[in-house]
Every structure is written in structure tokens, then in C-alpha cells.
Amino acid sequence: MRLKTLIPKSEARKLVVQRRAEVSSIEIKNKTKRIIDKFIHTDEYVYGSVIHCYVNSRPGEVDTRSLIDLMTSSGKSVIIPKLNKKTKTFARFHFMGWDSLIKNSEGYWEPKLGVDEDLSDVDLIIVPSLAVSLAGHRVGYGGGYYDRLLRNSFAPKVALAFEFQLFDYIENSIHDIRVDKIITERRIIDPRSPSK
């Protein structure tokens, strides 16, 4: 029997960054394709018409750019977030093409403009996760921005992650919002199911 341990967020971040550096860009591309193939067959995707999705910005992340292209060509409306660092909130932007995005001072791709944070029409949120536990607790880069955003939506929250980003348990706090589904290159995990 494998020992399941609780890992601190800082340690999870460090381990994933190390693991990511060991994976080739070709492996990332192939694994991303398998993740997207699984994702587009989920009910959340099939029945979602307005999808909130981040744009990947770092090497070794799941390529959401190819997913965004696929979603828009399939008639989905894609919402891209724009961070307001002063208020620690996101504005929203209806994706209309790659030329409408810029790289911000922290290296993230985001819209040049954004409007209010209203998520009432959003059917699905694809959540960035540096690391994620089998219980659905995610670790981002440490700002807590997405937890604030997710608190304001009843839409299903999905993490697209590689197997090397998964942990049995990650420390969490009362403010952390769990994801409803995790999709990796190998499997689909329902963290809320009693048998993970």
C-alpha cells in the first residue's frame, strides 16, 4: 500500500517546476492533445456554450491556445481573463483573436481590454493549476486571484493537468476553492466522488 502524504503548497510548486523541466516540448504537445481529446468529450464541454479559459504562458503547461482555437471553431464563446493587480480581480474579455492579446508585465497573455467580472453567463471555467490534489485542491502561483474569482461562480470548474502535477493531498485553507473535475493525459478524476 502506498503512503499518502499531505504536501505543503510551496513544496508542490517546487516539485512541479522541477518535473516540468524534465519533460520535452514534444511530450508536452502529445500529452496536451490527449488531455484535450478527453476534455472535449465531457458533458461539461459538450453542453457548455460560454467557457472561461486562461491562456497558458509558461513552457511545460497544458497548451490552452490550441484548445481555445478548437472551442472558437466549434462555436463556443470563450472568455479570457484580464487581471487587475490593484483590486486583485479579473475583468473578462470575449476572445476575438490572438491579435487582441498582449503579454503583461508578469509574462501572462491577457486581453488588452476587459469589462466587469460578471460570470453569470459562464457555463464552465477552465482553471489554471500548477499542482492539484486528487481531492481537487489546486495550487496556482500564489496570488489567490482564481480562488476569489471561483467563489463568485456556480459553473463547473475543471483543471487540465499532466499526471506529474498530481498529488494525493495538498495543504489547503478555508479560502481555497476546489475544482470539480481534473483531466490528465491518462484519466478523468472526479474529486467529489467517494472512490477517487
C-alpha atoms as a PDB file:
ATOM      1  CA  MET A   1       0.000   0.000   0.000  1.00  0.00           C
ATOM      2  CA  ARG A   2       1.326   3.427  -0.991  1.00  0.00           C
ATOM      3  CA  LEU A   3       1.639   6.016   1.770  1.00  0.00           C
ATOM      4  CA  LYS A   4      -0.476   9.092   1.068  1.00  0.00           C
ATOM      5  CA  THR A   5       1.005  12.268   2.474  1.00  0.00           C
ATOM      6  CA  LEU A   6      -0.027  15.883   2.785  1.00  0.00           C
ATOM      7  CA  ILE A   7       2.368  18.152   0.923  1.00  0.00           C
ATOM      8  CA  PRO A   8       2.770  21.898   1.573  1.00  0.00           C
ATOM      9  CA  LYS A   9       1.821  24.199  -1.321  1.00  0.00           C
ATOM     10  CA  SER A  10       5.359  25.569  -1.577  1.00  0.00           C
ATOM     11  CA  GLU A  11       6.782  22.055  -1.916  1.00  0.00           C
ATOM     12  CA  ALA A  12       4.175  21.109  -4.542  1.00  0.00           C
ATOM     13  CA  ARG A  13       5.089  24.210  -6.566  1.00  0.00           C
ATOM     14  CA  LYS A  14       8.802  23.387  -6.368  1.00  0.00           C
ATOM     15  CA  LEU A  15       8.325  19.734  -7.341  1.00  0.00           C
ATOM     16  CA  VAL A  16       6.113  20.520 -10.331  1.00  0.00           C
ATOM     17  CA  VAL A  17       8.522  23.150 -11.658  1.00  0.00           C
ATOM     18  CA  GLN A  18      11.336  20.556 -11.413  1.00  0.00           C
ATOM     19  CA  ARG A  19       9.245  17.843 -13.061  1.00  0.00           C
ATOM     20  CA  ARG A  20       8.129  20.205 -15.828  1.00  0.00           C
ATOM     21  CA  ALA A  21      11.751  20.981 -16.694  1.00  0.00           C
ATOM     22  CA  GLU A  22      12.348  17.256 -17.304  1.00  0.00           C
ATOM     23  CA  VAL A  23       9.578  16.893 -19.896  1.00  0.00           C
ATOM     24  CA  SER A  24      10.321  17.648 -23.547  1.00  0.00           C
ATOM     25  CA  SER A  25       8.201  20.040 -25.593  1.00  0.00           C
ATOM     26  CA  ILE A  26       7.181  17.114 -27.822  1.00  0.00           C
ATOM     27  CA  GLU A  27       5.932  15.176 -24.777  1.00  0.00           C
ATOM     28  CA  ILE A  28       4.020  18.270 -23.606  1.00  0.00           C
ATOM     29  CA  LYS A  29       2.423  18.603 -27.044  1.00  0.00           C
ATOM     30  CA  ASN A  30       1.419  14.917 -27.179  1.00  0.00           C
ATOM     31  CA  LYS A  31       0.094  14.880 -23.616  1.00  0.00           C
ATOM     32  CA  THR A  32      -1.804  18.123 -24.215  1.00  0.00           C
ATOM     33  CA  LYS A  33      -3.509  16.549 -27.228  1.00  0.00           C
ATOM     34  CA  ARG A  34      -4.613  13.558 -25.126  1.00  0.00           C
ATOM     35  CA  ILE A  35      -5.934  15.874 -22.392  1.00  0.00           C
ATOM     36  CA  ILE A  36      -7.902  17.958 -24.892  1.00  0.00           C
ATOM     37  CA  ASP A  37      -9.297  14.812 -26.564  1.00  0.00           C
ATOM     38  CA  LYS A  38     -10.616  13.651 -23.178  1.00  0.00           C
ATOM     39  CA  PHE A  39     -11.904  17.099 -22.232  1.00  0.00           C
ATOM     40  CA  ILE A  40     -13.976  17.709 -25.375  1.00  0.00           C
ATOM     41  CA  HIS A  41     -15.946  14.518 -24.693  1.00  0.00           C
ATOM     42  CA  THR A  42     -17.023  15.552 -21.185  1.00  0.00           C
ATOM     43  CA  ASP A  43     -20.584  16.725 -20.550  1.00  0.00           C
ATOM     44  CA  GLU A  44     -19.202  19.977 -19.166  1.00  0.00           C
ATOM     45  CA  TYR A  45     -17.637  20.789 -22.513  1.00  0.00           C
ATOM     46  CA  VAL A  46     -20.355  19.371 -24.761  1.00  0.00           C
ATOM     47  CA  TYR A  47     -23.137  21.328 -23.027  1.00  0.00           C
ATOM     48  CA  GLY A  48     -21.115  24.455 -22.248  1.00  0.00           C
ATOM     49  CA  SER A  49     -21.550  27.350 -24.635  1.00  0.00           C
ATOM     50  CA  VAL A  50     -19.732  30.112 -22.707  1.00  0.00           C
ATOM     51  CA  ILE A  51     -16.358  28.902 -21.409  1.00  0.00           C
ATOM     52  CA  HIS A  52     -13.924  30.877 -19.255  1.00  0.00           C
ATOM     53  CA  CYS A  53     -10.343  29.836 -20.094  1.00  0.00           C
ATOM     54  CA  TYR A  54      -6.879  31.137 -19.247  1.00  0.00           C
ATOM     55  CA  VAL A  55      -4.124  31.386 -21.858  1.00  0.00           C
ATOM     56  CA  ASN A  56      -1.060  29.320 -20.963  1.00  0.00           C
ATOM     57  CA  SER A  57       2.080  31.444 -20.680  1.00  0.00           C
ATOM     58  CA  ARG A  58       4.871  29.176 -19.485  1.00  0.00           C
ATOM     59  CA  PRO A  59       6.738  26.310 -21.139  1.00  0.00           C
ATOM     60  CA  GLY A  60       5.585  22.934 -19.859  1.00  0.00           C
ATOM     61  CA  GLU A  61       1.957  23.938 -19.292  1.00  0.00           C
ATOM     62  CA  VAL A  62      -1.080  22.374 -20.948  1.00  0.00           C
ATOM     63  CA  ASP A  63      -1.465  24.262 -24.239  1.00  0.00           C
ATOM     64  CA  THR A  64      -4.771  26.078 -23.850  1.00  0.00           C
ATOM     65  CA  ARG A  65      -4.106  28.028 -27.053  1.00  0.00           C
ATOM     66  CA  SER A  66      -4.905  25.015 -29.208  1.00  0.00           C
ATOM     67  CA  LEU A  67      -7.964  24.388 -27.029  1.00  0.00           C
ATOM     68  CA  ILE A  68      -9.155  27.998 -27.418  1.00  0.00           C
ATOM     69  CA  ASP A  69      -8.809  27.688 -31.202  1.00  0.00           C
ATOM     70  CA  LEU A  70     -10.800  24.445 -31.115  1.00  0.00           C
ATOM     71  CA  MET A  71     -13.516  25.947 -28.899  1.00  0.00           C
ATOM     72  CA  THR A  72     -13.991  29.024 -31.070  1.00  0.00           C
ATOM     73  CA  SER A  73     -14.070  26.962 -34.281  1.00  0.00           C
ATOM     74  CA  SER A  74     -16.745  24.778 -32.618  1.00  0.00           C
ATOM     75  CA  GLY A  75     -18.957  27.790 -31.958  1.00  0.00           C
ATOM     76  CA  LYS A  76     -18.196  28.169 -28.257  1.00  0.00           C
ATOM     77  CA  SER A  77     -17.937  31.652 -26.788  1.00  0.00           C
ATOM     78  CA  VAL A  78     -14.583  31.905 -24.982  1.00  0.00           C
ATOM     79  CA  ILE A  79     -13.985  34.322 -22.113  1.00  0.00           C
ATOM     80  CA  ILE A  80     -10.344  35.259 -21.391  1.00  0.00           C
ATOM     81  CA  PRO A  81      -9.459  36.829 -18.002  1.00  0.00           C
ATOM     82  CA  LYS A  82      -7.568  40.102 -17.521  1.00  0.00           C
ATOM     83  CA  LEU A  83      -6.062  40.612 -14.071  1.00  0.00           C
ATOM     84  CA  ASN A  84      -6.360  43.883 -12.191  1.00  0.00           C
ATOM     85  CA  LYS A  85      -3.499  43.614  -9.684  1.00  0.00           C
ATOM     86  CA  LYS A  86      -4.678  46.598  -7.625  1.00  0.00           C
ATOM     87  CA  THR A  87      -8.109  45.134  -6.888  1.00  0.00           C
ATOM     88  CA  LYS A  88      -6.937  41.504  -7.215  1.00  0.00           C
ATOM     89  CA  THR A  89      -9.877  40.787  -9.502  1.00  0.00           C
ATOM     90  CA  PHE A  90     -10.328  39.716 -13.097  1.00  0.00           C
ATOM     91  CA  ALA A  91     -12.068  41.541 -15.879  1.00  0.00           C
ATOM     92  CA  ARG A  92     -13.489  39.430 -18.675  1.00  0.00           C
ATOM     93  CA  PHE A  93     -12.992  39.600 -22.398  1.00  0.00           C
ATOM     94  CA  HIS A  94     -14.763  37.751 -25.212  1.00  0.00           C
ATOM     95  CA  PHE A  95     -11.936  36.201 -27.214  1.00  0.00           C
ATOM     96  CA  MET A  96     -11.885  37.565 -30.768  1.00  0.00           C
ATOM     97  CA  GLY A  97      -8.441  36.517 -31.963  1.00  0.00           C
ATOM     98  CA  TRP A  98      -4.835  36.270 -30.878  1.00  0.00           C
ATOM     99  CA  ASP A  99      -4.019  39.803 -32.005  1.00  0.00           C
ATOM    100  CA  SER A 100      -6.298  41.142 -29.250  1.00  0.00           C
ATOM    101  CA  LEU A 101      -3.968  39.778 -26.519  1.00  0.00           C
ATOM    102  CA  ILE A 102      -0.783  41.222 -25.034  1.00  0.00           C
ATOM    103  CA  LYS A 103       1.836  39.898 -22.639  1.00  0.00           C
ATOM    104  CA  ASN A 104       1.552  41.706 -19.306  1.00  0.00           C
ATOM    105  CA  SER A 105       4.428  42.740 -17.019  1.00  0.00           C
ATOM    106  CA  GLU A 106       4.419  39.307 -15.344  1.00  0.00           C
ATOM    107  CA  GLY A 107       4.610  37.408 -18.617  1.00  0.00           C
ATOM    108  CA  TYR A 108       0.958  36.312 -18.815  1.00  0.00           C
ATOM    109  CA  TRP A 109      -1.061  36.600 -22.004  1.00  0.00           C
ATOM    110  CA  GLU A 110      -4.209  38.601 -21.441  1.00  0.00           C
ATOM    111  CA  PRO A 111      -6.637  40.865 -23.320  1.00  0.00           C
ATOM    112  CA  LYS A 112      -5.723  44.488 -23.942  1.00  0.00           C
ATOM    113  CA  LEU A 113      -9.125  45.451 -22.554  1.00  0.00           C
ATOM    114  CA  GLY A 114     -11.618  43.839 -20.236  1.00  0.00           C
ATOM    115  CA  VAL A 115     -15.047  44.511 -18.771  1.00  0.00           C
ATOM    116  CA  ASP A 116     -16.725  43.565 -15.490  1.00  0.00           C
ATOM    117  CA  GLU A 117     -16.134  40.316 -13.636  1.00  0.00           C
ATOM    118  CA  ASP A 118     -19.728  39.036 -14.035  1.00  0.00           C
ATOM    119  CA  LEU A 119     -19.694  35.266 -14.541  1.00  0.00           C
ATOM    120  CA  SER A 120     -23.450  34.652 -14.526  1.00  0.00           C
ATOM    121  CA  ASP A 121     -23.484  33.514 -18.168  1.00  0.00           C
ATOM    122  CA  VAL A 122     -20.391  31.285 -17.884  1.00  0.00           C
ATOM    123  CA  ASP A 123     -21.143  27.549 -18.212  1.00  0.00           C
ATOM    124  CA  LEU A 124     -17.642  26.225 -17.471  1.00  0.00           C
ATOM    125  CA  ILE A 125     -14.378  27.535 -16.021  1.00  0.00           C
ATOM    126  CA  ILE A 126     -11.035  26.025 -17.025  1.00  0.00           C
ATOM    127  CA  VAL A 127      -8.809  26.751 -14.050  1.00  0.00           C
ATOM    128  CA  PRO A 128      -5.017  27.069 -14.200  1.00  0.00           C
ATOM    129  CA  SER A 129      -3.267  24.700 -11.816  1.00  0.00           C
ATOM    130  CA  LEU A 130       0.428  24.432 -11.177  1.00  0.00           C
ATOM    131  CA  ALA A 131      -0.357  21.436  -8.964  1.00  0.00           C
ATOM    132  CA  VAL A 132      -3.607  19.729  -7.996  1.00  0.00           C
ATOM    133  CA  SER A 133      -4.594  17.098  -5.450  1.00  0.00           C
ATOM    134  CA  LEU A 134      -6.851  14.128  -6.077  1.00  0.00           C
ATOM    135  CA  ALA A 135      -9.317  15.890  -3.753  1.00  0.00           C
ATOM    136  CA  GLY A 136      -9.486  18.845  -6.161  1.00  0.00           C
ATOM    137  CA  HIS A 137      -7.380  21.335  -4.224  1.00  0.00           C
ATOM    138  CA  ARG A 138      -5.289  23.315  -6.674  1.00  0.00           C
ATOM    139  CA  VAL A 139      -2.128  25.318  -6.309  1.00  0.00           C
ATOM    140  CA  GLY A 140      -1.521  28.309  -8.535  1.00  0.00           C
ATOM    141  CA  TYR A 141       1.381  30.713  -8.473  1.00  0.00           C
ATOM    142  CA  GLY A 142       0.421  32.185  -5.108  1.00  0.00           C
ATOM    143  CA  GLY A 143      -1.779  35.238  -5.654  1.00  0.00           C
ATOM    144  CA  GLY A 144      -5.128  33.689  -4.730  1.00  0.00           C
ATOM    145  CA  TYR A 145      -6.746  35.516  -7.659  1.00  0.00           C
ATOM    146  CA  TYR A 146      -8.573  32.496  -9.025  1.00  0.00           C
ATOM    147  CA  ASP A 147      -9.976  31.486  -5.636  1.00  0.00           C
ATOM    148  CA  ARG A 148     -11.616  34.914  -5.431  1.00  0.00           C
ATOM    149  CA  LEU A 149     -12.966  34.534  -8.964  1.00  0.00           C
ATOM    150  CA  LEU A 150     -14.225  30.983  -8.445  1.00  0.00           C
ATOM    151  CA  ARG A 151     -16.075  31.942  -5.285  1.00  0.00           C
ATOM    152  CA  ASN A 152     -18.412  34.044  -7.472  1.00  0.00           C
ATOM    153  CA  SER A 153     -19.499  31.293  -9.864  1.00  0.00           C
ATOM    154  CA  PHE A 154     -21.591  28.151  -9.738  1.00  0.00           C
ATOM    155  CA  ALA A 155     -20.187  26.960 -13.075  1.00  0.00           C
ATOM    156  CA  PRO A 156     -18.254  23.669 -13.045  1.00  0.00           C
ATOM    157  CA  LYS A 157     -14.521  24.160 -12.526  1.00  0.00           C
ATOM    158  CA  VAL A 158     -12.141  21.928 -14.472  1.00  0.00           C
ATOM    159  CA  ALA A 159      -8.359  21.611 -14.125  1.00  0.00           C
ATOM    160  CA  LEU A 160      -6.407  20.374 -17.143  1.00  0.00           C
ATOM    161  CA  ALA A 161      -3.180  18.904 -15.770  1.00  0.00           C
ATOM    162  CA  PHE A 162      -0.423  16.448 -16.519  1.00  0.00           C
ATOM    163  CA  GLU A 163      -0.020  13.389 -14.296  1.00  0.00           C
ATOM    164  CA  PHE A 164       3.230  14.856 -12.919  1.00  0.00           C
ATOM    165  CA  GLN A 165       1.192  17.745 -11.463  1.00  0.00           C
ATOM    166  CA  LEU A 166      -0.964  15.436  -9.315  1.00  0.00           C
ATOM    167  CA  PHE A 167      -0.545  14.804  -5.593  1.00  0.00           C
ATOM    168  CA  ASP A 168      -2.584  12.746  -3.139  1.00  0.00           C
ATOM    169  CA  TYR A 169      -3.118  15.662  -0.756  1.00  0.00           C
ATOM    170  CA  ILE A 170      -2.030  19.301  -0.860  1.00  0.00           C
ATOM    171  CA  GLU A 171      -2.376  21.638   2.091  1.00  0.00           C
ATOM    172  CA  ASN A 172      -5.354  23.946   1.718  1.00  0.00           C
ATOM    173  CA  SER A 173      -7.170  26.693   3.548  1.00  0.00           C
ATOM    174  CA  ILE A 174     -10.778  27.675   4.023  1.00  0.00           C
ATOM    175  CA  HIS A 175     -10.437  30.203   1.172  1.00  0.00           C
ATOM    176  CA  ASP A 176      -9.300  27.618  -1.396  1.00  0.00           C
ATOM    177  CA  ILE A 177     -11.936  26.596  -3.934  1.00  0.00           C
ATOM    178  CA  ARG A 178     -11.813  23.006  -5.174  1.00  0.00           C
ATOM    179  CA  VAL A 179     -12.152  22.010  -8.806  1.00  0.00           C
ATOM    180  CA  ASP A 180     -14.989  19.699  -9.829  1.00  0.00           C
ATOM    181  CA  LYS A 181     -13.018  17.674 -12.350  1.00  0.00           C
ATOM    182  CA  ILE A 182      -9.362  17.005 -13.201  1.00  0.00           C
ATOM    183  CA  ILE A 183      -8.412  15.831 -16.672  1.00  0.00           C
ATOM    184  CA  THR A 184      -4.959  14.397 -17.322  1.00  0.00           C
ATOM    185  CA  GLU A 185      -3.430  12.617 -20.285  1.00  0.00           C
ATOM    186  CA  ARG A 186      -4.364   9.290 -18.650  1.00  0.00           C
ATOM    187  CA  ARG A 187      -7.665   9.792 -16.840  1.00  0.00           C
ATOM    188  CA  ILE A 188     -10.592  11.908 -15.756  1.00  0.00           C
ATOM    189  CA  ILE A 189     -10.805  12.387 -11.994  1.00  0.00           C
ATOM    190  CA  ASP A 190     -13.952  13.379 -10.134  1.00  0.00           C
ATOM    191  CA  PRO A 191     -12.575  14.722  -6.829  1.00  0.00           C
ATOM    192  CA  ARG A 192     -16.016  14.794  -5.238  1.00  0.00           C
ATOM    193  CA  SER A 193     -16.598  11.088  -5.857  1.00  0.00           C
ATOM    194  CA  PRO A 194     -16.015   8.895  -2.778  1.00  0.00           C
ATOM    195  CA  SER A 195     -13.840   6.491  -4.803  1.00  0.00           C
ATOM    196  CA  LYS A 196     -11.073   8.555  -6.426  1.00  0.00           C
END
